[in-house]
Amino acid sequence: MTQAAPHSVSSRLPRPHPRPWALLGALSCLLGVACSGAASSAPPRTPAPAPDVADGSRDPSAPPPQQDDLSLPPADAAVPPPPALCASYGSAPSDVSPAEGGGSCDAAALAQALTAGEGSARTEEARADAALARDRALAALERCPAWPAATLRALRAELAPTECGDVLVEDQLTPGAEGRARELDETLFALGLAARLRRLATHPPEPPEVHDKPTLEAYFQERLFPWIQEQSAAIHQLAERGARLRGYARGVVAVEAGMADMRFVEIARAAPIPQEMQDDPELRTVYYGTLDEALEPRKRRGRDAALAGLAELAEVGVLNDARLTAARTLLSSVYGGRRIDALDRLLLPGLVPMRVTDSVELTLAARVPAFYAPWFLPEPSGTTPEQLLRASLERGLPRHLRDDLRSRPLDDATALLLARGYVELGRAYFRAQDFAEAHRLLEGRGGDEIDFHRALAMALMAGPRNAADMIARGPRFADALGNLGPLDALASSSSYLAGHAAYDAAYLRELVAPEESAAYWQDLAERYTAAAGKLGGDAESEARKRAAAARATSESITTSQRAR
């Protein structure tokens, strides 16, 4: 007789199929549920460094987080060591500043350091070499008096591979450092925690080649379970330290803690199963369905932490950022059908390319991440607000810059560019408030691009309030969109953006399409076909593909309804 499955799993499985024995109950270790054998005690629950209120914002009346010791302790034994490449990033800077050696020690030198190696970065290997060249050039400037102490070290850690962060910051996190803002210390500390979180829950013990029941039982009990427990405890400890931080620092740790938790979900899904289960489609289907249900608590924990962190990054104005990309990709994978990146497929007109310039200000604005801009960008001199904003959008929409622009009268070109920045924030983080701000900025103004962005913002400002709201609503994205009339009107006009408007109006309708309406899907096919006729290149090809898919869906629904 086969061994009874733990808990209530056996009641869900069709008899007389063999039961999934201890496998499912064992994998519940991933959820913080007590396990037998080697992992007899439950791993501690990873606390999501969540916001103070449910919508992702912070309650201004809440007391500030408890201040904590910001010295980085030795890494837990469960944390894998930094990759070998981190040794190159950990090189100590010179004890002599460039200024003392007769070299440059100003914004121009920083701009030159940030562009080191850029021209040759066409392959993955060349990009890695360019990143290392940039780090070495930045390290040479660390002793410059032009910037607050340790700010360049924070910038280096931000731009280096995430998993190397603790190597770069640990010698800066000494108790009682004088003359440094708490915000900088928290940022350095967060980058160190983030590096260790990035290295956790990445490489589970190699499974055995033989997938019979006794071999897999031994693998789970003797190797996988202890590893899970150790990794989970380390994630918990690091996330708890990060939850005491504030602002951007808190967000960085929350995102990494959330991703570490969600990686457990993917590890569980990829865990080997016995051959008897692989050979039985029905049993295999039941197992994976039950496993997904069991993984839900871990998924939610990782999701909530990641979304809380993304809310902090959104406030800073982070856009073109590797951590943001990684978090959105993982959220979309774990929550298939509720894709936080769904709005990336909207068709927008291209930004005016950055012009080759010798301007130090614009070079820095285009390369310094949004959070660090106030530390490293010099006072504007000889550049227009529009030029500075365009350069900044290469990396993000820094809070200090958007606040400054919102407080002054703007010409149409600058207002359009700022609105575009809010649209980009809105679709990266699914924040309705950003679309509403874009719409406000463009009210009473005219022109093809202004009309397009205002119409798109109007359609989206009534959608999900934020990414948490979107995921909670499920695959339908929203019960309704805002007013699509302006997009439809633009699609019927002679504007050079008519095709863009037609495509986006069709795509947004697809996001809220009812599953059982053949007529709705047929209408979508016609809308995409009309959009394709006004587009060209890759956009036209994509519109025709979507038209064909919508038409096929309509036909499938019709066939299914006739068969009933």
Protein backbone atom coordinates (compact mmCIF):
# COMPACT_ATOMS: atom_id res chain seq x y z
CA MET A 1 0.00 0.00 0.00
CA THR A 2 1.31 3.46 -0.83
CA GLN A 3 1.98 5.83 1.98
CA ALA A 4 -0.90 8.18 2.82
CA ALA A 5 -0.47 11.74 1.71
CA PRO A 6 -0.16 14.32 4.48
CA HIS A 7 -2.97 16.65 5.53
CA SER A 8 -6.02 16.53 3.26
CA VAL A 9 -4.20 16.05 -0.05
CA SER A 10 -5.32 12.42 -0.38
CA SER A 11 -8.98 13.42 -0.49
CA ARG A 12 -8.32 15.57 -3.54
CA LEU A 13 -6.60 12.86 -5.58
CA PRO A 14 -8.50 10.47 -7.85
CA ARG A 15 -8.37 6.86 -6.75
CA PRO A 16 -6.84 4.38 -7.47
CA HIS A 17 -3.93 6.58 -8.60
CA PRO A 18 -0.88 6.55 -6.32
CA ARG A 19 -0.77 9.46 -3.95
CA PRO A 20 1.97 12.10 -4.03
CA TRP A 21 3.20 10.70 -0.66
CA ALA A 22 5.28 13.16 1.32
CA LEU A 23 6.19 15.39 -1.61
CA LEU A 24 3.51 18.03 -1.34
CA GLY A 25 3.58 18.16 2.43
CA ALA A 26 7.34 18.40 2.24
CA LEU A 27 7.29 21.29 -0.18
CA SER A 28 5.02 23.11 2.24
CA CYS A 29 8.29 23.89 4.04
CA LEU A 30 8.54 26.59 1.42
CA LEU A 31 5.48 28.17 2.97
CA GLY A 32 6.70 28.25 6.55
CA VAL A 33 4.70 25.12 7.52
CA ALA A 34 6.33 22.69 9.92
CA CYS A 35 8.04 19.72 8.25
CA SER A 36 9.12 16.33 9.41
CA GLY A 37 12.61 14.89 9.55
CA ALA A 38 15.54 17.16 8.96
CA ALA A 39 13.41 20.27 8.83
CA SER A 40 11.23 19.63 11.85
CA SER A 41 10.75 23.24 12.87
CA ALA A 42 9.03 25.84 10.77
CA PRO A 43 11.15 28.45 9.07
CA PRO A 44 10.31 31.89 10.39
CA ARG A 45 7.78 33.85 8.41
CA THR A 46 9.39 36.44 6.20
CA PRO A 47 7.83 39.77 7.12
CA ALA A 48 6.87 41.87 4.15
CA PRO A 49 8.28 45.37 4.67
CA ALA A 50 4.82 46.57 3.82
CA PRO A 51 3.56 50.13 3.61
CA ASP A 52 1.55 51.52 6.47
CA VAL A 53 -1.70 51.58 4.50
CA ALA A 54 -3.11 49.11 2.02
CA ASP A 55 -2.85 51.16 -1.16
CA GLY A 56 0.95 51.31 -1.12
CA SER A 57 1.32 54.79 0.33
CA ARG A 58 2.59 55.63 3.77
CA ASP A 59 0.47 56.98 6.59
CA PRO A 60 1.98 60.39 7.47
CA SER A 61 0.56 60.16 10.98
CA ALA A 62 2.38 56.90 11.71
CA PRO A 63 5.51 57.08 13.87
CA PRO A 64 8.81 56.84 11.98
CA PRO A 65 10.36 53.38 11.80
CA GLN A 66 12.60 52.44 14.71
CA GLN A 67 16.16 53.54 14.05
CA ASP A 68 18.54 50.64 14.01
CA ASP A 69 22.26 50.03 14.13
CA LEU A 70 23.42 50.45 10.54
CA SER A 71 26.67 48.53 10.74
CA LEU A 72 26.61 45.57 8.37
CA PRO A 73 27.21 42.36 10.35
CA PRO A 74 29.06 39.34 8.95
CA ALA A 75 26.89 37.50 6.44
CA ASP A 76 24.82 34.59 7.73
CA ALA A 77 26.28 31.20 6.81
CA ALA A 78 23.23 30.58 4.61
CA VAL A 79 24.06 33.55 2.37
CA PRO A 80 26.15 32.44 -0.61
CA PRO A 81 29.46 34.30 -0.94
CA PRO A 82 29.73 37.12 -3.46
CA PRO A 83 30.56 36.03 -7.01
CA ALA A 84 34.20 36.22 -8.03
CA LEU A 85 33.59 39.33 -10.12
CA CYS A 86 32.75 41.27 -6.95
CA ALA A 87 36.41 41.24 -5.93
CA SER A 88 37.17 43.67 -8.75
CA TYR A 89 34.40 46.02 -7.58
CA GLY A 90 35.64 45.91 -4.01
CA SER A 91 39.00 47.48 -4.83
CA ALA A 92 39.79 50.30 -2.43
CA PRO A 93 40.09 53.84 -3.83
CA SER A 94 43.32 55.78 -3.71
CA ASP A 95 44.15 57.61 -0.50
CA VAL A 96 44.92 60.71 -2.56
CA SER A 97 42.20 62.74 -4.24
CA PRO A 98 42.57 63.62 -7.94
CA ALA A 99 42.73 67.29 -6.94
CA GLU A 100 45.78 66.66 -4.74
CA GLY A 101 47.45 64.88 -7.64
CA GLY A 102 46.79 67.71 -10.06
CA GLY A 103 43.82 66.01 -11.70
CA SER A 104 40.20 67.08 -12.13
CA CYS A 105 37.88 66.73 -9.18
CA ASP A 106 34.61 68.24 -10.36
CA ALA A 107 31.36 67.52 -12.18
CA ALA A 108 33.20 67.18 -15.48
CA ALA A 109 35.37 64.42 -14.02
CA LEU A 110 32.27 62.66 -12.71
CA ALA A 111 30.62 62.86 -16.14
CA GLN A 112 33.74 61.41 -17.72
CA ALA A 113 33.82 58.57 -15.17
CA LEU A 114 30.16 57.70 -15.77
CA THR A 115 30.73 57.40 -19.52
CA ALA A 116 33.91 55.32 -19.21
CA GLY A 117 33.86 52.42 -21.65
CA GLU A 118 30.42 53.24 -23.08
CA GLY A 119 31.40 53.33 -26.73
CA SER A 120 32.53 49.69 -26.82
CA ALA A 121 29.65 48.11 -24.83
CA ARG A 122 28.03 46.17 -27.67
CA THR A 123 28.28 42.60 -26.35
CA GLU A 124 27.55 41.14 -22.94
CA GLU A 125 31.26 40.77 -22.22
CA ALA A 126 31.98 44.29 -23.43
CA ARG A 127 29.17 45.68 -21.25
CA ALA A 128 30.65 43.92 -18.21
CA ASP A 129 34.07 45.39 -19.00
CA ALA A 130 32.54 48.85 -19.45
CA ALA A 131 30.74 48.60 -16.10
CA LEU A 132 33.98 47.68 -14.38
CA ALA A 133 35.82 50.54 -16.12
CA ARG A 134 33.13 52.93 -14.93
CA ASP A 135 33.45 51.65 -11.37
CA ARG A 136 37.21 52.10 -11.37
CA ALA A 137 36.85 55.64 -12.69
CA LEU A 138 34.30 56.43 -9.98
CA ALA A 139 36.51 54.87 -7.31
CA ALA A 140 39.30 57.25 -8.28
CA LEU A 141 37.02 60.18 -7.42
CA GLU A 142 35.96 58.99 -3.96
CA ARG A 143 38.43 61.25 -2.17
CA CYS A 144 37.16 64.35 -3.97
CA PRO A 145 35.76 67.00 -1.63
CA ALA A 146 33.16 67.99 -4.25
CA TRP A 147 30.57 65.54 -2.90
CA PRO A 148 29.51 64.46 0.60
CA ALA A 149 31.67 61.65 1.94
CA ALA A 150 30.57 58.14 0.91
CA THR A 151 28.00 59.33 -1.67
CA LEU A 152 30.23 58.09 -4.49
CA ARG A 153 30.51 54.74 -2.74
CA ALA A 154 26.72 54.51 -2.64
CA LEU A 155 26.57 55.39 -6.34
CA ARG A 156 29.18 52.73 -7.12
CA ALA A 157 27.20 50.11 -5.19
CA GLU A 158 24.01 51.13 -7.00
CA LEU A 159 25.60 50.83 -10.45
CA ALA A 160 27.57 47.64 -9.73
CA PRO A 161 25.98 44.17 -9.99
CA THR A 162 23.40 43.99 -7.18
CA GLU A 163 24.95 40.89 -5.62
CA CYS A 164 28.21 42.82 -5.04
CA GLY A 165 26.67 45.61 -2.94
CA ASP A 166 27.81 44.39 0.47
CA VAL A 167 31.40 44.06 -0.77
CA LEU A 168 31.33 47.74 -1.70
CA VAL A 169 29.60 49.20 1.35
CA GLU A 170 30.71 47.15 4.33
CA ASP A 171 33.81 49.26 5.08
CA GLN A 172 31.66 52.42 5.01
CA LEU A 173 29.14 51.23 7.60
CA THR A 174 31.08 51.91 10.76
CA PRO A 175 29.23 52.97 13.92
CA GLY A 176 29.31 56.68 14.65
CA ALA A 177 30.39 57.90 11.21
CA GLU A 178 30.56 61.68 11.53
CA GLY A 179 29.14 64.29 9.20
CA ARG A 180 26.93 61.94 7.24
CA ALA A 181 23.20 62.20 6.71
CA ARG A 182 21.10 59.37 8.08
CA GLU A 183 19.58 58.97 4.61
CA LEU A 184 22.99 58.15 3.14
CA ASP A 185 23.81 55.63 5.87
CA GLU A 186 20.44 53.94 5.38
CA THR A 187 21.04 53.78 1.62
CA LEU A 188 24.47 52.18 2.06
CA PHE A 189 23.03 49.72 4.56
CA ALA A 190 20.11 48.87 2.26
CA LEU A 191 22.43 48.18 -0.67
CA GLY A 192 24.38 45.79 1.52
CA LEU A 193 21.23 43.95 2.64
CA ALA A 194 19.94 43.89 -0.93
CA ALA A 195 23.12 42.20 -2.17
CA ARG A 196 22.71 39.35 0.31
CA LEU A 197 19.00 38.98 -0.45
CA ARG A 198 19.79 38.78 -4.17
CA ARG A 199 22.13 35.84 -3.52
CA LEU A 200 19.57 33.93 -1.43
CA ALA A 201 17.07 31.40 -2.79
CA THR A 202 18.89 31.11 -6.09
CA HIS A 203 20.65 27.73 -6.31
CA PRO A 204 18.90 24.86 -4.53
CA PRO A 205 20.83 21.62 -4.03
CA GLU A 206 21.16 19.67 -7.27
CA PRO A 207 18.41 17.02 -7.46
CA PRO A 208 19.32 13.38 -8.02
CA GLU A 209 19.26 11.93 -11.50
CA VAL A 210 17.07 9.04 -10.36
CA HIS A 211 13.50 10.11 -9.59
CA ASP A 212 12.12 7.14 -7.72
CA LYS A 213 10.32 7.53 -4.43
CA PRO A 214 13.10 6.51 -1.97
CA THR A 215 15.76 8.59 -3.74
CA LEU A 216 13.61 11.72 -3.85
CA GLU A 217 12.52 11.26 -0.23
CA ALA A 218 16.17 11.22 0.81
CA TYR A 219 16.92 14.27 -1.35
CA PHE A 220 14.09 16.27 0.20
CA GLN A 221 14.73 15.30 3.80
CA GLU A 222 18.52 15.42 3.78
CA ARG A 223 19.32 18.23 1.36
CA LEU A 224 16.44 20.36 0.09
CA PHE A 225 14.53 20.83 3.36
CA PRO A 226 17.52 21.98 5.43
CA TRP A 227 18.54 24.36 2.64
CA ILE A 228 15.01 25.80 2.48
CA GLN A 229 14.91 26.36 6.21
CA GLU A 230 18.29 28.08 6.30
CA GLN A 231 17.51 30.29 3.31
CA SER A 232 14.10 31.24 4.67
CA ALA A 233 15.54 32.21 8.05
CA ALA A 234 18.19 34.38 6.40
CA ILE A 235 15.61 36.15 4.22
CA HIS A 236 13.48 36.80 7.30
CA GLN A 237 16.38 38.32 9.20
CA LEU A 238 17.47 40.63 6.38
CA ALA A 239 13.92 41.71 5.53
CA GLU A 240 13.26 42.54 9.18
CA ARG A 241 16.30 44.83 9.26
CA GLY A 242 15.21 46.52 6.05
CA ALA A 243 11.69 47.13 7.34
CA ARG A 244 13.14 49.58 9.87
CA LEU A 245 14.55 51.81 7.16
CA ARG A 246 12.79 54.66 5.37
CA GLY A 247 12.04 55.82 1.86
CA TYR A 248 14.23 54.58 -0.96
CA ALA A 249 16.39 52.44 1.35
CA ARG A 250 13.33 50.64 2.67
CA GLY A 251 12.06 50.14 -0.87
CA VAL A 252 15.32 48.60 -2.09
CA VAL A 253 15.29 45.96 0.64
CA ALA A 254 11.58 45.28 0.31
CA VAL A 255 11.87 44.63 -3.42
CA GLU A 256 14.78 42.23 -2.93
CA ALA A 257 13.07 40.43 -0.02
CA GLY A 258 9.92 40.04 -2.09
CA MET A 259 11.85 38.64 -5.03
CA ALA A 260 13.68 36.18 -2.76
CA ASP A 261 10.36 34.89 -1.46
CA MET A 262 8.92 34.61 -4.96
CA ARG A 263 11.99 32.68 -6.12
CA PHE A 264 10.97 30.01 -3.62
CA VAL A 265 7.72 29.65 -5.55
CA GLU A 266 9.61 28.96 -8.78
CA ILE A 267 11.93 26.54 -7.00
CA ALA A 268 8.92 24.60 -5.69
CA ARG A 269 7.35 24.45 -9.13
CA ALA A 270 10.61 23.14 -10.59
CA ALA A 271 11.22 20.52 -7.87
CA PRO A 272 11.47 16.96 -9.25
CA ILE A 273 8.52 14.60 -8.91
CA PRO A 274 8.58 10.79 -8.91
CA GLN A 275 8.42 8.96 -12.21
CA GLU A 276 5.04 7.46 -11.35
CA MET A 277 3.62 10.98 -11.21
CA GLN A 278 5.37 12.11 -14.38
CA ASP A 279 3.81 9.19 -16.23
CA ASP A 280 0.26 9.92 -15.05
CA PRO A 281 -1.17 13.15 -16.62
CA GLU A 282 -4.21 13.23 -14.33
CA LEU A 283 -2.22 12.76 -11.15
CA ARG A 284 0.37 15.28 -12.35
CA THR A 285 -2.34 17.86 -13.05
CA VAL A 286 -3.89 17.38 -9.61
CA TYR A 287 -0.49 17.65 -7.97
CA TYR A 288 0.50 20.92 -9.63
CA GLY A 289 -2.94 22.42 -9.05
CA THR A 290 -2.75 21.54 -5.37
CA LEU A 291 0.82 22.78 -5.17
CA ASP A 292 -0.14 26.17 -6.59
CA GLU A 293 -2.85 26.48 -3.94
CA ALA A 294 -0.35 25.57 -1.23
CA LEU A 295 2.18 28.09 -2.53
CA GLU A 296 -0.27 30.97 -2.34
CA PRO A 297 0.81 32.22 1.14
CA ARG A 298 4.44 32.43 0.02
CA LYS A 299 3.42 34.12 -3.23
CA ARG A 300 1.39 36.70 -1.34
CA ARG A 301 4.21 37.38 1.08
CA GLY A 302 6.69 37.96 -1.72
CA ARG A 303 4.19 39.98 -3.72
CA ASP A 304 3.31 42.27 -0.84
CA ALA A 305 6.95 42.97 -0.03
CA ALA A 306 7.85 43.63 -3.66
CA LEU A 307 4.85 45.90 -4.22
CA ALA A 308 5.61 47.86 -1.05
CA GLY A 309 9.15 48.36 -2.29
CA LEU A 310 8.02 49.37 -5.76
CA ALA A 311 5.76 52.01 -4.19
CA GLU A 312 8.86 53.59 -2.61
CA LEU A 313 10.76 53.46 -5.91
CA ALA A 314 7.83 55.10 -7.67
CA GLU A 315 7.90 58.00 -5.22
CA VAL A 316 11.58 58.55 -6.03
CA GLY A 317 10.82 58.43 -9.77
CA VAL A 318 12.85 55.34 -10.71
CA LEU A 319 12.24 54.20 -14.31
CA ASN A 320 15.15 52.70 -16.25
CA ASP A 321 16.52 50.46 -13.51
CA ALA A 322 17.67 46.83 -13.35
CA ARG A 323 16.03 46.18 -9.97
CA LEU A 324 12.69 47.51 -11.19
CA THR A 325 12.91 45.36 -14.32
CA ALA A 326 13.75 42.22 -12.33
CA ALA A 327 10.88 42.75 -9.87
CA ARG A 328 8.31 43.39 -12.59
CA THR A 329 9.49 40.34 -14.55
CA LEU A 330 9.25 38.06 -11.52
CA LEU A 331 5.85 39.41 -10.46
CA SER A 332 4.55 38.81 -13.98
CA SER A 333 5.92 35.26 -13.96
CA VAL A 334 4.55 34.31 -10.55
CA TYR A 335 1.22 36.03 -11.20
CA GLY A 336 0.68 34.92 -14.79
CA GLY A 337 -2.46 36.53 -16.24
CA ARG A 338 -2.10 39.56 -13.96
CA ARG A 339 0.90 41.11 -15.59
CA ILE A 340 2.29 44.23 -14.01
CA ASP A 341 4.02 44.84 -17.35
CA ALA A 342 0.78 44.76 -19.39
CA LEU A 343 0.93 48.47 -20.19
CA ASP A 344 4.43 48.11 -21.67
CA ARG A 345 2.69 46.97 -24.86
CA LEU A 346 1.01 50.31 -25.39
CA LEU A 347 2.28 52.11 -28.47
CA LEU A 348 3.75 55.54 -27.71
CA PRO A 349 5.60 57.94 -30.02
CA GLY A 350 9.35 57.87 -29.57
CA LEU A 351 11.08 60.52 -27.53
CA VAL A 352 13.32 62.93 -29.38
CA PRO A 353 16.77 61.25 -29.31
CA MET A 354 19.35 62.72 -26.97
CA ARG A 355 21.68 64.97 -28.94
CA VAL A 356 25.42 64.52 -28.71
CA THR A 357 26.47 67.25 -26.33
CA ASP A 358 29.43 68.38 -24.33
CA SER A 359 27.15 69.60 -21.55
CA VAL A 360 28.27 68.16 -18.24
CA GLU A 361 24.85 68.79 -16.72
CA LEU A 362 22.99 66.79 -19.36
CA THR A 363 25.54 63.98 -19.32
CA LEU A 364 25.07 63.60 -15.57
CA ALA A 365 21.29 63.97 -15.73
CA ALA A 366 21.10 61.13 -18.28
CA ARG A 367 23.27 58.73 -16.26
CA VAL A 368 22.78 59.36 -12.56
CA PRO A 369 19.92 57.24 -11.11
CA ALA A 370 16.92 59.27 -9.97
CA PHE A 371 17.51 58.88 -6.22
CA TYR A 372 21.10 60.15 -6.45
CA ALA A 373 20.41 63.15 -8.68
CA PRO A 374 20.20 65.73 -5.83
CA TRP A 375 23.68 64.73 -4.65
CA PHE A 376 25.44 64.78 -8.00
CA LEU A 377 23.67 67.13 -10.41
CA PRO A 378 25.12 70.65 -10.42
CA GLU A 379 22.91 73.70 -10.50
CA PRO A 380 21.58 74.18 -14.06
CA SER A 381 23.68 76.58 -16.06
CA GLY A 382 23.05 77.07 -19.76
CA THR A 383 20.49 74.26 -20.07
CA THR A 384 16.74 74.70 -20.40
CA PRO A 385 14.24 72.86 -18.16
CA GLU A 386 13.14 70.91 -21.24
CA GLN A 387 16.70 69.74 -21.96
CA LEU A 388 17.32 68.76 -18.35
CA LEU A 389 14.03 66.88 -18.15
CA ARG A 390 14.68 65.03 -21.42
CA ALA A 391 18.10 63.93 -20.21
CA SER A 392 16.72 62.83 -16.82
CA LEU A 393 14.10 60.62 -18.47
CA GLU A 394 16.91 58.32 -19.59
CA ARG A 395 16.95 57.04 -15.99
CA GLY A 396 13.79 58.31 -14.34
CA LEU A 397 11.75 61.30 -13.24
CA PRO A 398 13.54 62.54 -10.10
CA ARG A 399 11.22 63.84 -7.44
CA HIS A 400 13.07 67.11 -6.92
CA LEU A 401 12.92 67.86 -10.65
CA ARG A 402 9.22 67.13 -11.12
CA ASP A 403 8.35 69.09 -7.99
CA ASP A 404 10.32 72.07 -9.29
CA LEU A 405 8.69 71.94 -12.72
CA ARG A 406 5.18 71.60 -11.32
CA SER A 407 5.69 74.78 -9.31
CA ARG A 408 6.41 77.00 -12.32
CA PRO A 409 4.67 77.95 -15.57
CA LEU A 410 5.63 75.55 -18.37
CA ASP A 411 5.69 75.98 -22.11
CA ASP A 412 3.90 73.31 -24.18
CA ALA A 413 7.06 71.35 -25.03
CA THR A 414 8.17 71.04 -21.40
CA ALA A 415 4.64 70.27 -20.18
CA LEU A 416 4.37 67.49 -22.79
CA LEU A 417 7.71 66.01 -21.75
CA LEU A 418 6.79 66.11 -18.06
CA ALA A 419 3.42 64.51 -18.85
CA ARG A 420 5.25 61.81 -20.80
CA GLY A 421 7.36 61.16 -17.72
CA TYR A 422 4.22 60.70 -15.63
CA VAL A 423 2.77 58.36 -18.26
CA GLU A 424 5.95 56.28 -18.06
CA LEU A 425 5.72 56.21 -14.25
CA GLY A 426 2.07 55.25 -14.51
CA ARG A 427 2.61 52.31 -16.79
CA ALA A 428 5.74 51.08 -14.95
CA TYR A 429 3.99 51.04 -11.56
CA PHE A 430 0.30 50.93 -12.57
CA ARG A 431 -0.43 54.17 -10.70
CA ALA A 432 -3.64 55.92 -11.73
CA GLN A 433 -2.48 59.10 -9.96
CA ASP A 434 0.35 59.47 -12.48
CA PHE A 435 -2.04 59.29 -15.43
CA ALA A 436 -4.26 61.84 -13.72
CA GLU A 437 -1.28 64.19 -13.28
CA ALA A 438 -0.31 63.76 -16.94
CA HIS A 439 -3.86 64.67 -17.96
CA ARG A 440 -3.84 67.74 -15.70
CA LEU A 441 -0.57 68.99 -17.16
CA LEU A 442 -1.96 68.85 -20.71
CA GLU A 443 -5.38 70.37 -20.12
CA GLY A 444 -5.99 73.41 -22.34
CA ARG A 445 -3.00 72.66 -24.57
CA GLY A 446 -3.04 71.48 -28.19
CA GLY A 447 -0.98 69.58 -30.75
CA ASP A 448 -0.83 66.00 -32.05
CA GLU A 449 1.39 64.58 -29.31
CA ILE A 450 -0.35 66.56 -26.58
CA ASP A 451 -3.75 65.33 -27.78
CA PHE A 452 -2.48 61.74 -27.89
CA HIS A 453 -0.96 61.71 -24.40
CA ARG A 454 -3.98 63.47 -22.91
CA ALA A 455 -6.33 60.93 -24.53
CA LEU A 456 -4.25 57.99 -23.32
CA ALA A 457 -4.06 59.41 -19.78
CA MET A 458 -7.83 59.88 -19.74
CA ALA A 459 -8.35 56.23 -20.68
CA LEU A 460 -6.04 54.99 -17.91
CA MET A 461 -6.70 57.34 -15.01
CA ALA A 462 -9.87 55.41 -14.11
CA GLY A 463 -8.10 52.03 -14.22
CA PRO A 464 -6.43 50.20 -11.31
CA ARG A 465 -5.25 52.53 -8.55
CA ASN A 466 -1.84 50.86 -8.42
CA ALA A 467 -0.11 47.52 -9.03
CA ALA A 468 -1.52 45.99 -5.85
CA ASP A 469 -5.03 46.91 -6.96
CA MET A 470 -4.38 45.50 -10.44
CA ILE A 471 -3.15 42.15 -9.11
CA ALA A 472 -6.03 41.95 -6.64
CA ARG A 473 -8.54 42.43 -9.46
CA GLY A 474 -7.20 39.37 -11.27
CA PRO A 475 -6.75 38.66 -14.97
CA ARG A 476 -9.52 41.07 -16.03
CA PHE A 477 -7.24 44.05 -15.26
CA ALA A 478 -10.20 46.32 -14.51
CA ASP A 479 -13.99 46.22 -14.55
CA ALA A 480 -13.96 49.27 -16.78
CA LEU A 481 -11.60 51.78 -18.28
CA GLY A 482 -11.85 55.51 -18.42
CA ASN A 483 -13.20 57.42 -21.39
CA LEU A 484 -11.84 55.93 -24.63
CA GLY A 485 -13.69 58.49 -26.74
CA PRO A 486 -10.70 60.85 -27.18
CA LEU A 487 -8.47 57.98 -28.35
CA ASP A 488 -11.17 56.84 -30.80
CA ALA A 489 -11.57 60.40 -32.11
CA LEU A 490 -7.83 60.71 -32.63
CA ALA A 491 -7.79 57.33 -34.40
CA SER A 492 -10.35 58.67 -36.89
CA SER A 493 -8.46 61.92 -37.50
CA SER A 494 -5.70 62.85 -39.90
CA SER A 495 -3.15 63.04 -37.08
CA TYR A 496 0.15 61.28 -37.71
CA LEU A 497 -0.56 59.47 -34.41
CA ALA A 498 -3.93 58.11 -35.57
CA GLY A 499 -2.48 54.61 -35.87
CA HIS A 500 -1.01 54.77 -32.38
CA ALA A 501 -4.35 55.89 -30.97
CA ALA A 502 -6.27 53.16 -32.84
CA TYR A 503 -3.87 50.44 -31.66
CA ASP A 504 -3.87 51.59 -28.03
CA ALA A 505 -7.67 51.89 -27.94
CA ALA A 506 -7.95 48.32 -29.23
CA TYR A 507 -5.30 47.02 -26.82
CA LEU A 508 -6.94 48.62 -23.78
CA ARG A 509 -10.27 47.13 -24.81
CA GLU A 510 -8.57 43.74 -25.06
CA LEU A 511 -7.40 44.04 -21.46
CA VAL A 512 -11.03 44.17 -20.30
CA ALA A 513 -12.48 41.80 -22.93
CA PRO A 514 -15.28 39.47 -21.77
CA GLU A 515 -14.32 35.83 -22.22
CA GLU A 516 -17.55 34.65 -23.88
CA SER A 517 -18.45 37.41 -26.33
CA ALA A 518 -17.62 36.45 -29.92
CA ALA A 519 -18.91 39.81 -31.18
CA TYR A 520 -16.56 41.70 -28.84
CA TRP A 521 -13.52 39.78 -30.07
CA GLN A 522 -14.57 40.22 -33.68
CA ASP A 523 -14.80 43.97 -33.10
CA LEU A 524 -11.28 43.88 -31.63
CA ALA A 525 -10.03 42.10 -34.75
CA GLU A 526 -11.51 44.84 -36.92
CA ARG A 527 -10.02 47.57 -34.71
CA TYR A 528 -6.53 46.03 -34.88
CA THR A 529 -6.83 45.64 -38.65
CA ALA A 530 -7.79 49.30 -39.00
CA ALA A 531 -4.85 50.31 -36.78
CA ALA A 532 -2.45 48.21 -38.88
CA GLY A 533 -3.50 50.13 -41.97
CA LYS A 534 -2.32 53.37 -40.34
CA LEU A 535 0.95 52.02 -38.99
CA GLY A 536 4.13 50.66 -40.47
CA GLY A 537 7.09 48.47 -39.58
CA ASP A 538 7.03 46.39 -36.40
CA ALA A 539 3.95 48.19 -35.07
CA GLU A 540 1.95 47.20 -38.14
CA SER A 541 3.08 43.56 -37.82
CA GLU A 542 2.08 43.47 -34.17
CA ALA A 543 -1.35 44.93 -34.93
CA ARG A 544 -1.97 42.30 -37.62
CA LYS A 545 -0.90 39.49 -35.28
CA ARG A 546 -3.31 40.74 -32.63
CA ALA A 547 -6.08 41.05 -35.22
CA ALA A 548 -5.56 37.42 -36.25
CA ALA A 549 -5.51 36.25 -32.62
CA ALA A 550 -8.70 38.18 -31.80
CA ARG A 551 -10.42 36.74 -34.88
CA ALA A 552 -9.40 33.21 -33.87
CA THR A 553 -10.73 33.80 -30.35
CA SER A 554 -14.07 34.99 -31.76
CA GLU A 555 -14.35 31.90 -33.95
CA SER A 556 -13.45 29.60 -31.05
CA ILE A 557 -16.13 31.14 -28.83
CA THR A 558 -18.72 30.79 -31.59
CA THR A 559 -17.82 27.13 -32.16
CA SER A 560 -17.95 26.39 -28.43
CA GLN A 561 -21.34 28.06 -28.02
CA ARG A 562 -22.82 26.12 -30.95
CA ALA A 563 -21.62 22.85 -29.44
CA ARG A 564 -23.47 23.44 -26.19
